[in-house]
């Protein structure tokens, strides 16, 4: 998905990576509040309008797929792009930035992780034992599928539950990224009521970049910024990151 006109020289576009169980539809509220920003959402293979594509067998394979898509873009396109990963998508964002580095590809304007523990602080398999009794609670209460309400049909619930199960398996098996800092600015946000400890998902990310860094907590629970009515707040944070982190990276380059 996209919105907005041709970018100016110092402007940014935004590439959004869904959380576990998410699709590009997860971003409908933030895209609706984009106010002219150019926004792209990644649809992971095997879901949404890419339902006919084979789903990835690992998080690394998923990151490899997204990397290949970006490497087909012009270098200037990537350099003006802020990559924003939500929860599981934060790991995909870091894997993406590291892969671009090893292939001498262009670095993104910045990486933003939201609700994602720093790799050295993560607890592998944290959601690996989700039982059917807790699936409803996780889908709605922790933001894996924001906006999935009680009126959803059985088919929609079954589809969302299967996506979540599949992504939980990916993150459970994920070994974590290489211990190499990304070569672009990085920002880490976490809800103040997120079950992920705030320090693990904010300040703990500092050693993972060689560039400017910002860490902050925001009101709400896991991925609360994707909830209805939070779109304007989301963009306030993204504009702050663009001003305080991305611009600092350009000055330091």
C-alpha atoms as a PDB file:
ATOM      1  CA  UNK A   1       0.000   0.000   0.000  1.00  0.00           C
ATOM      2  CA  UNK A   2       1.217   3.526  -0.519  1.00  0.00           C
ATOM      3  CA  UNK A   3       0.153   7.097  -0.118  1.00  0.00           C
ATOM      4  CA  UNK A   4       1.645  10.472  -0.924  1.00  0.00           C
ATOM      5  CA  UNK A   5       3.441  12.221  -3.751  1.00  0.00           C
ATOM      6  CA  UNK A   6       7.029  12.186  -5.001  1.00  0.00           C
ATOM      7  CA  UNK A   7       9.493  12.613  -2.136  1.00  0.00           C
ATOM      8  CA  UNK A   8      11.650  15.689  -1.764  1.00  0.00           C
ATOM      9  CA  UNK A   9      15.406  15.321  -1.304  1.00  0.00           C
ATOM     10  CA  UNK A  10      15.316  15.298   2.509  1.00  0.00           C
ATOM     11  CA  UNK A  11      11.975  13.537   3.002  1.00  0.00           C
ATOM     12  CA  UNK A  12      11.382   9.939   4.082  1.00  0.00           C
ATOM     13  CA  UNK A  13       9.005   7.173   3.115  1.00  0.00           C
ATOM     14  CA  UNK A  14       7.958   4.440   5.537  1.00  0.00           C
ATOM     15  CA  UNK A  15       8.068   0.668   5.050  1.00  0.00           C
ATOM     16  CA  UNK A  16       5.964  -1.161   7.661  1.00  0.00           C
ATOM     17  CA  UNK A  17       6.610  -4.791   8.661  1.00  0.00           C
ATOM     18  CA  UNK A  18       3.681  -6.574  10.391  1.00  0.00           C
ATOM     19  CA  UNK A  19       3.770  -8.270  13.790  1.00  0.00           C
ATOM     20  CA  UNK A  20       3.181 -11.985  14.273  1.00  0.00           C
ATOM     21  CA  UNK A  21      -0.208 -12.894  12.857  1.00  0.00           C
ATOM     22  CA  UNK A  22      -0.469  -9.594  11.007  1.00  0.00           C
ATOM     23  CA  UNK A  23      -1.086  -8.549   7.413  1.00  0.00           C
ATOM     24  CA  UNK A  24      -0.947  -5.172   5.703  1.00  0.00           C
ATOM     25  CA  UNK A  25      -4.513  -4.727   6.936  1.00  0.00           C
ATOM     26  CA  UNK A  26      -3.012  -4.412  10.417  1.00  0.00           C
ATOM     27  CA  UNK A  27      -1.846  -0.940   9.393  1.00  0.00           C
ATOM     28  CA  UNK A  28      -5.164   0.451   8.223  1.00  0.00           C
ATOM     29  CA  UNK A  29      -5.491   2.922  11.096  1.00  0.00           C
ATOM     30  CA  UNK A  30      -1.974   4.359  10.829  1.00  0.00           C
ATOM     31  CA  UNK A  31      -2.206   4.573   7.035  1.00  0.00           C
ATOM     32  CA  UNK A  32      -5.510   6.409   7.380  1.00  0.00           C
ATOM     33  CA  UNK A  33      -3.766   9.020   9.516  1.00  0.00           C
ATOM     34  CA  UNK A  34      -0.668   9.316   7.317  1.00  0.00           C
ATOM     35  CA  UNK A  35      -1.519  12.865   6.184  1.00  0.00           C
ATOM     36  CA  UNK A  36       0.394  12.700   2.908  1.00  0.00           C
ATOM     37  CA  UNK A  37       3.313  10.521   4.054  1.00  0.00           C
ATOM     38  CA  UNK A  38       4.376   7.842   1.582  1.00  0.00           C
ATOM     39  CA  UNK A  39       3.652   4.541   3.298  1.00  0.00           C
ATOM     40  CA  UNK A  40       4.321   0.995   2.118  1.00  0.00           C
ATOM     41  CA  UNK A  41       3.272  -2.157   3.934  1.00  0.00           C
ATOM     42  CA  UNK A  42       4.980  -5.531   3.435  1.00  0.00           C
ATOM     43  CA  UNK A  43       2.588  -8.426   2.876  1.00  0.00           C
ATOM     44  CA  UNK A  44       4.388 -11.539   4.012  1.00  0.00           C
ATOM     45  CA  UNK A  45       4.086 -14.551   1.673  1.00  0.00           C
ATOM     46  CA  UNK A  46       1.220 -16.891   2.451  1.00  0.00           C
ATOM     47  CA  UNK A  47      -1.311 -14.333   3.679  1.00  0.00           C
ATOM     48  CA  UNK A  48      -3.493 -11.432   2.578  1.00  0.00           C
ATOM     49  CA  UNK A  49      -3.267 -10.775  -1.136  1.00  0.00           C
ATOM     50  CA  UNK A  50      -0.248 -13.136  -1.290  1.00  0.00           C
ATOM     51  CA  UNK A  51      -2.154 -16.135  -0.011  1.00  0.00           C
ATOM     52  CA  UNK A  52      -1.068 -18.226  -2.990  1.00  0.00           C
ATOM     53  CA  UNK A  53       2.656 -17.742  -2.242  1.00  0.00           C
ATOM     54  CA  UNK A  54       4.397 -20.407  -0.121  1.00  0.00           C
ATOM     55  CA  UNK A  55       4.761 -19.181   3.467  1.00  0.00           C
ATOM     56  CA  UNK A  56       8.327 -18.849   4.765  1.00  0.00           C
ATOM     57  CA  UNK A  57       9.780 -21.788   6.658  1.00  0.00           C
ATOM     58  CA  UNK A  58      11.856 -19.555   8.933  1.00  0.00           C
ATOM     59  CA  UNK A  59      12.100 -15.931   9.999  1.00  0.00           C
ATOM     60  CA  UNK A  60      15.468 -15.795   8.247  1.00  0.00           C
ATOM     61  CA  UNK A  61      13.836 -16.905   4.995  1.00  0.00           C
ATOM     62  CA  UNK A  62      11.198 -14.213   5.447  1.00  0.00           C
ATOM     63  CA  UNK A  63      13.909 -11.576   5.925  1.00  0.00           C
ATOM     64  CA  UNK A  64      15.708 -12.918   2.857  1.00  0.00           C
ATOM     65  CA  UNK A  65      12.546 -12.441   0.816  1.00  0.00           C
ATOM     66  CA  UNK A  66      12.078  -8.829   1.958  1.00  0.00           C
ATOM     67  CA  UNK A  67      15.776  -8.117   1.346  1.00  0.00           C
ATOM     68  CA  UNK A  68      15.499  -9.399  -2.215  1.00  0.00           C
ATOM     69  CA  UNK A  69      12.545  -7.092  -2.835  1.00  0.00           C
ATOM     70  CA  UNK A  70      14.494  -4.065  -1.588  1.00  0.00           C
ATOM     71  CA  UNK A  71      17.624  -4.930  -3.567  1.00  0.00           C
ATOM     72  CA  UNK A  72      15.529  -4.596  -6.719  1.00  0.00           C
ATOM     73  CA  UNK A  73      14.762  -0.994  -5.786  1.00  0.00           C
ATOM     74  CA  UNK A  74      16.954   1.966  -6.668  1.00  0.00           C
ATOM     75  CA  UNK A  75      19.544   2.744  -4.007  1.00  0.00           C
ATOM     76  CA  UNK A  76      18.089   6.213  -3.466  1.00  0.00           C
ATOM     77  CA  UNK A  77      14.663   4.656  -2.767  1.00  0.00           C
ATOM     78  CA  UNK A  78      16.095   2.529   0.042  1.00  0.00           C
ATOM     79  CA  UNK A  79      18.195   5.367   1.510  1.00  0.00           C
ATOM     80  CA  UNK A  80      15.064   7.476   1.931  1.00  0.00           C
ATOM     81  CA  UNK A  81      13.088   4.663   3.557  1.00  0.00           C
ATOM     82  CA  UNK A  82      12.490   4.259   7.292  1.00  0.00           C
ATOM     83  CA  UNK A  83      11.880   0.569   8.014  1.00  0.00           C
ATOM     84  CA  UNK A  84       9.399   0.100  10.877  1.00  0.00           C
ATOM     85  CA  UNK A  85       9.015  -3.375  12.381  1.00  0.00           C
ATOM     86  CA  UNK A  86       6.316  -4.257  14.901  1.00  0.00           C
ATOM     87  CA  UNK A  87       7.051  -7.044  17.407  1.00  0.00           C
ATOM     88  CA  UNK A  88       8.196  -9.978  15.202  1.00  0.00           C
ATOM     89  CA  UNK A  89       8.584  -7.466  12.386  1.00  0.00           C
ATOM     90  CA  UNK A  90      11.310  -5.745  14.411  1.00  0.00           C
ATOM     91  CA  UNK A  91      13.510  -8.826  14.052  1.00  0.00           C
ATOM     92  CA  UNK A  92      12.752  -8.897  10.315  1.00  0.00           C
ATOM     93  CA  UNK A  93      13.783  -5.221  10.103  1.00  0.00           C
ATOM     94  CA  UNK A  94      17.152  -5.877  11.771  1.00  0.00           C
ATOM     95  CA  UNK A  95      17.790  -8.952   9.640  1.00  0.00           C
ATOM     96  CA  UNK A  96      16.968  -6.855   6.585  1.00  0.00           C
ATOM     97  CA  UNK A  97      19.386  -4.064   7.532  1.00  0.00           C
ATOM     98  CA  UNK A  98      22.164  -6.563   8.257  1.00  0.00           C
ATOM     99  CA  UNK A  99      21.628  -8.363   4.955  1.00  0.00           C
ATOM    100  CA  UNK A 100      21.791  -5.105   3.032  1.00  0.00           C
ATOM    101  CA  UNK A 101      25.108  -4.406   4.743  1.00  0.00           C
ATOM    102  CA  UNK A 102      26.694  -7.756   3.880  1.00  0.00           C
ATOM    103  CA  UNK A 103      25.628  -7.390   0.244  1.00  0.00           C
ATOM    104  CA  UNK A 104      26.935  -3.826  -0.020  1.00  0.00           C
ATOM    105  CA  UNK A 105      23.401  -2.630  -0.486  1.00  0.00           C
ATOM    106  CA  UNK A 106      22.180   0.799   0.592  1.00  0.00           C
ATOM    107  CA  UNK A 107      21.345   1.319   4.253  1.00  0.00           C
ATOM    108  CA  UNK A 108      17.806   2.428   5.107  1.00  0.00           C
ATOM    109  CA  UNK A 109      17.285   5.939   6.464  1.00  0.00           C
ATOM    110  CA  UNK A 110      16.573   4.291   9.843  1.00  0.00           C
ATOM    111  CA  UNK A 111      15.233   1.166  11.506  1.00  0.00           C
ATOM    112  CA  UNK A 112      12.404   1.520  14.034  1.00  0.00           C
ATOM    113  CA  UNK A 113      11.435  -1.421  16.270  1.00  0.00           C
ATOM    114  CA  UNK A 114       8.174  -1.317  18.236  1.00  0.00           C
ATOM    115  CA  UNK A 115       7.366  -3.782  21.015  1.00  0.00           C
ATOM    116  CA  UNK A 116      10.413  -5.922  20.170  1.00  0.00           C
ATOM    117  CA  UNK A 117      12.925  -7.058  22.813  1.00  0.00           C
ATOM    118  CA  UNK A 118      16.571  -6.488  21.933  1.00  0.00           C
ATOM    119  CA  UNK A 119      17.994  -9.755  20.556  1.00  0.00           C
ATOM    120  CA  UNK A 120      20.273 -10.367  23.544  1.00  0.00           C
ATOM    121  CA  UNK A 121      17.330  -9.844  25.924  1.00  0.00           C
ATOM    122  CA  UNK A 122      14.706 -11.942  24.157  1.00  0.00           C
ATOM    123  CA  UNK A 123      13.262 -15.079  25.718  1.00  0.00           C
ATOM    124  CA  UNK A 124      13.144 -17.709  22.932  1.00  0.00           C
ATOM    125  CA  UNK A 125       9.864 -19.565  22.819  1.00  0.00           C
ATOM    126  CA  UNK A 126       8.044 -17.032  24.977  1.00  0.00           C
ATOM    127  CA  UNK A 127       4.852 -17.571  23.006  1.00  0.00           C
ATOM    128  CA  UNK A 128       5.747 -21.062  21.882  1.00  0.00           C
ATOM    129  CA  UNK A 129       3.316 -22.803  24.217  1.00  0.00           C
ATOM    130  CA  UNK A 130       0.218 -20.750  23.459  1.00  0.00           C
ATOM    131  CA  UNK A 131      -2.758 -23.019  24.075  1.00  0.00           C
ATOM    132  CA  UNK A 132      -6.114 -22.810  22.392  1.00  0.00           C
ATOM    133  CA  UNK A 133      -7.642 -21.457  25.597  1.00  0.00           C
ATOM    134  CA  UNK A 134      -5.315 -18.453  25.468  1.00  0.00           C
ATOM    135  CA  UNK A 135      -5.435 -17.813  21.727  1.00  0.00           C
ATOM    136  CA  UNK A 136      -8.363 -15.405  21.927  1.00  0.00           C
ATOM    137  CA  UNK A 137      -6.660 -13.432  24.701  1.00  0.00           C
ATOM    138  CA  UNK A 138      -3.407 -13.128  22.762  1.00  0.00           C
ATOM    139  CA  UNK A 139      -5.042 -12.209  19.463  1.00  0.00           C
ATOM    140  CA  UNK A 140      -7.022  -9.327  20.948  1.00  0.00           C
ATOM    141  CA  UNK A 141      -5.235  -8.380  24.147  1.00  0.00           C
ATOM    142  CA  UNK A 142      -1.618  -8.264  23.026  1.00  0.00           C
ATOM    143  CA  UNK A 143      -2.095  -6.698  19.642  1.00  0.00           C
ATOM    144  CA  UNK A 144      -1.029  -9.480  17.316  1.00  0.00           C
ATOM    145  CA  UNK A 145      -4.137  -8.764  15.260  1.00  0.00           C
ATOM    146  CA  UNK A 146      -5.264  -5.253  16.284  1.00  0.00           C
ATOM    147  CA  UNK A 147      -8.926  -4.540  15.625  1.00  0.00           C
ATOM    148  CA  UNK A 148     -10.005  -8.180  15.561  1.00  0.00           C
ATOM    149  CA  UNK A 149     -13.214  -7.799  17.542  1.00  0.00           C
ATOM    150  CA  UNK A 150     -15.804 -10.151  18.928  1.00  0.00           C
ATOM    151  CA  UNK A 151     -17.983  -9.695  15.830  1.00  0.00           C
ATOM    152  CA  UNK A 152     -15.455 -11.370  13.551  1.00  0.00           C
ATOM    153  CA  UNK A 153     -16.778 -14.418  11.729  1.00  0.00           C
ATOM    154  CA  UNK A 154     -15.574 -17.922  12.505  1.00  0.00           C
ATOM    155  CA  UNK A 155     -13.656 -17.945   9.217  1.00  0.00           C
ATOM    156  CA  UNK A 156     -11.841 -14.698  10.078  1.00  0.00           C
ATOM    157  CA  UNK A 157     -10.954 -15.980  13.546  1.00  0.00           C
ATOM    158  CA  UNK A 158      -9.700 -19.287  12.154  1.00  0.00           C
ATOM    159  CA  UNK A 159      -7.577 -17.473   9.555  1.00  0.00           C
ATOM    160  CA  UNK A 160      -6.105 -15.090  12.148  1.00  0.00           C
ATOM    161  CA  UNK A 161      -5.415 -17.914  14.583  1.00  0.00           C
ATOM    162  CA  UNK A 162      -3.570 -19.959  11.962  1.00  0.00           C
ATOM    163  CA  UNK A 163      -1.416 -16.968  10.968  1.00  0.00           C
ATOM    164  CA  UNK A 164      -0.527 -16.416  14.617  1.00  0.00           C
ATOM    165  CA  UNK A 165       0.316 -20.082  15.207  1.00  0.00           C
ATOM    166  CA  UNK A 166       2.530 -20.090  12.135  1.00  0.00           C
ATOM    167  CA  UNK A 167       4.387 -16.928  13.128  1.00  0.00           C
ATOM    168  CA  UNK A 168       4.801 -18.099  16.718  1.00  0.00           C
ATOM    169  CA  UNK A 169       6.539 -21.179  15.341  1.00  0.00           C
ATOM    170  CA  UNK A 170       8.864 -18.937  13.302  1.00  0.00           C
ATOM    171  CA  UNK A 171       9.794 -16.741  16.255  1.00  0.00           C
ATOM    172  CA  UNK A 172      10.189 -19.743  18.567  1.00  0.00           C
ATOM    173  CA  UNK A 173      12.689 -21.335  16.185  1.00  0.00           C
ATOM    174  CA  UNK A 174      14.445 -18.017  15.417  1.00  0.00           C
ATOM    175  CA  UNK A 175      18.064 -18.008  16.633  1.00  0.00           C
ATOM    176  CA  UNK A 176      18.353 -14.214  16.559  1.00  0.00           C
ATOM    177  CA  UNK A 177      20.315 -11.937  14.220  1.00  0.00           C
ATOM    178  CA  UNK A 178      24.079 -11.873  13.869  1.00  0.00           C
ATOM    179  CA  UNK A 179      25.716  -9.850  16.623  1.00  0.00           C
ATOM    180  CA  UNK A 180      26.440  -6.987  14.226  1.00  0.00           C
ATOM    181  CA  UNK A 181      25.150  -3.452  14.652  1.00  0.00           C
ATOM    182  CA  UNK A 182      23.104  -1.975  11.833  1.00  0.00           C
ATOM    183  CA  UNK A 183      24.787   0.848   9.932  1.00  0.00           C
ATOM    184  CA  UNK A 184      21.883   3.272  10.154  1.00  0.00           C
ATOM    185  CA  UNK A 185      20.042   5.160  12.909  1.00  0.00           C
ATOM    186  CA  UNK A 186      17.787   3.096  15.137  1.00  0.00           C
ATOM    187  CA  UNK A 187      14.782   3.918  17.336  1.00  0.00           C
ATOM    188  CA  UNK A 188      13.086   1.570  19.807  1.00  0.00           C
ATOM    189  CA  UNK A 189       9.581   2.155  21.201  1.00  0.00           C
ATOM    190  CA  UNK A 190       7.611   0.101  23.721  1.00  0.00           C
ATOM    191  CA  UNK A 191       4.238   0.482  25.406  1.00  0.00           C
ATOM    192  CA  UNK A 192       4.349   1.268  29.112  1.00  0.00           C
ATOM    193  CA  UNK A 193       1.950  -1.648  29.721  1.00  0.00           C
ATOM    194  CA  UNK A 194       3.592  -4.021  27.256  1.00  0.00           C
ATOM    195  CA  UNK A 195       4.280  -7.498  28.704  1.00  0.00           C
ATOM    196  CA  UNK A 196       7.769  -7.140  27.204  1.00  0.00           C
ATOM    197  CA  UNK A 197       9.906  -5.360  29.860  1.00  0.00           C
ATOM    198  CA  UNK A 198      10.310  -1.737  28.778  1.00  0.00           C
ATOM    199  CA  UNK A 199      14.084  -1.615  29.157  1.00  0.00           C
ATOM    200  CA  UNK A 200      14.489  -4.809  27.109  1.00  0.00           C
ATOM    201  CA  UNK A 201      12.548  -3.218  24.243  1.00  0.00           C
ATOM    202  CA  UNK A 202      14.030   0.294  24.461  1.00  0.00           C
ATOM    203  CA  UNK A 203      17.454   1.100  25.952  1.00  0.00           C
ATOM    204  CA  UNK A 204      18.716  -2.455  25.431  1.00  0.00           C
ATOM    205  CA  UNK A 205      18.696  -1.761  21.677  1.00  0.00           C
ATOM    206  CA  UNK A 206      21.407   0.914  21.960  1.00  0.00           C
ATOM    207  CA  UNK A 207      24.415  -1.334  21.098  1.00  0.00           C
ATOM    208  CA  UNK A 208      22.632  -2.554  17.960  1.00  0.00           C
ATOM    209  CA  UNK A 209      23.394   0.592  15.955  1.00  0.00           C
ATOM    210  CA  UNK A 210      26.534   2.533  15.134  1.00  0.00           C
ATOM    211  CA  UNK A 211      24.468   5.631  14.409  1.00  0.00           C
ATOM    212  CA  UNK A 212      22.055   7.921  16.244  1.00  0.00           C
ATOM    213  CA  UNK A 213      19.664   6.210  18.654  1.00  0.00           C
ATOM    214  CA  UNK A 214      16.352   7.013  20.329  1.00  0.00           C
ATOM    215  CA  UNK A 215      14.484   4.956  22.942  1.00  0.00           C
ATOM    216  CA  UNK A 216      11.100   5.792  24.448  1.00  0.00           C
ATOM    217  CA  UNK A 217       8.018   4.311  26.059  1.00  0.00           C
ATOM    218  CA  UNK A 218       4.561   5.203  24.794  1.00  0.00           C
ATOM    219  CA  UNK A 219       1.179   4.830  26.505  1.00  0.00           C
ATOM    220  CA  UNK A 220      -0.576   1.490  26.137  1.00  0.00           C
ATOM    221  CA  UNK A 221       0.086  -2.194  25.803  1.00  0.00           C
ATOM    222  CA  UNK A 222       1.699  -4.337  23.169  1.00  0.00           C
ATOM    223  CA  UNK A 223       1.431  -2.587  19.773  1.00  0.00           C
ATOM    224  CA  UNK A 224      -1.086  -0.092  21.140  1.00  0.00           C
ATOM    225  CA  UNK A 225       0.020   2.431  18.509  1.00  0.00           C
ATOM    226  CA  UNK A 226      -1.769   0.300  15.902  1.00  0.00           C
ATOM    227  CA  UNK A 227      -5.113   0.586  17.678  1.00  0.00           C
ATOM    228  CA  UNK A 228      -8.024   2.693  16.364  1.00  0.00           C
ATOM    229  CA  UNK A 229      -7.655   6.342  17.281  1.00  0.00           C
ATOM    230  CA  UNK A 230      -3.864   6.146  17.774  1.00  0.00           C
ATOM    231  CA  UNK A 231      -2.848   6.944  14.188  1.00  0.00           C
ATOM    232  CA  UNK A 232      -2.043  10.614  14.808  1.00  0.00           C
ATOM    233  CA  UNK A 233       0.061   9.685  17.839  1.00  0.00           C
ATOM    234  CA  UNK A 234       1.929   7.095  15.770  1.00  0.00           C
ATOM    235  CA  UNK A 235       2.859   9.735  13.206  1.00  0.00           C
ATOM    236  CA  UNK A 236       3.889  12.193  15.908  1.00  0.00           C
ATOM    237  CA  UNK A 237       6.469   9.636  17.039  1.00  0.00           C
ATOM    238  CA  UNK A 238       7.586   8.867  13.503  1.00  0.00           C
ATOM    239  CA  UNK A 239       8.080  12.570  12.744  1.00  0.00           C
ATOM    240  CA  UNK A 240      10.074  12.948  15.941  1.00  0.00           C
ATOM    241  CA  UNK A 241      12.272  10.031  14.889  1.00  0.00           C
ATOM    242  CA  UNK A 242      12.705  11.578  11.458  1.00  0.00           C
ATOM    243  CA  UNK A 243      13.695  14.905  13.026  1.00  0.00           C
ATOM    244  CA  UNK A 244      15.901  13.705  15.904  1.00  0.00           C
ATOM    245  CA  UNK A 245      17.376  10.455  14.601  1.00  0.00           C
ATOM    246  CA  UNK A 246      17.230  10.321  10.808  1.00  0.00           C
ATOM    247  CA  UNK A 247      18.374  13.928  10.379  1.00  0.00           C
ATOM    248  CA  UNK A 248      21.231  13.346  12.852  1.00  0.00           C
ATOM    249  CA  UNK A 249      22.326  10.353  10.794  1.00  0.00           C
ATOM    250  CA  UNK A 250      22.419  12.461   7.636  1.00  0.00           C
ATOM    251  CA  UNK A 251      24.554  15.099   9.392  1.00  0.00           C
ATOM    252  CA  UNK A 252      26.969  12.453  10.644  1.00  0.00           C
ATOM    253  CA  UNK A 253      27.322  10.744   7.261  1.00  0.00           C
END
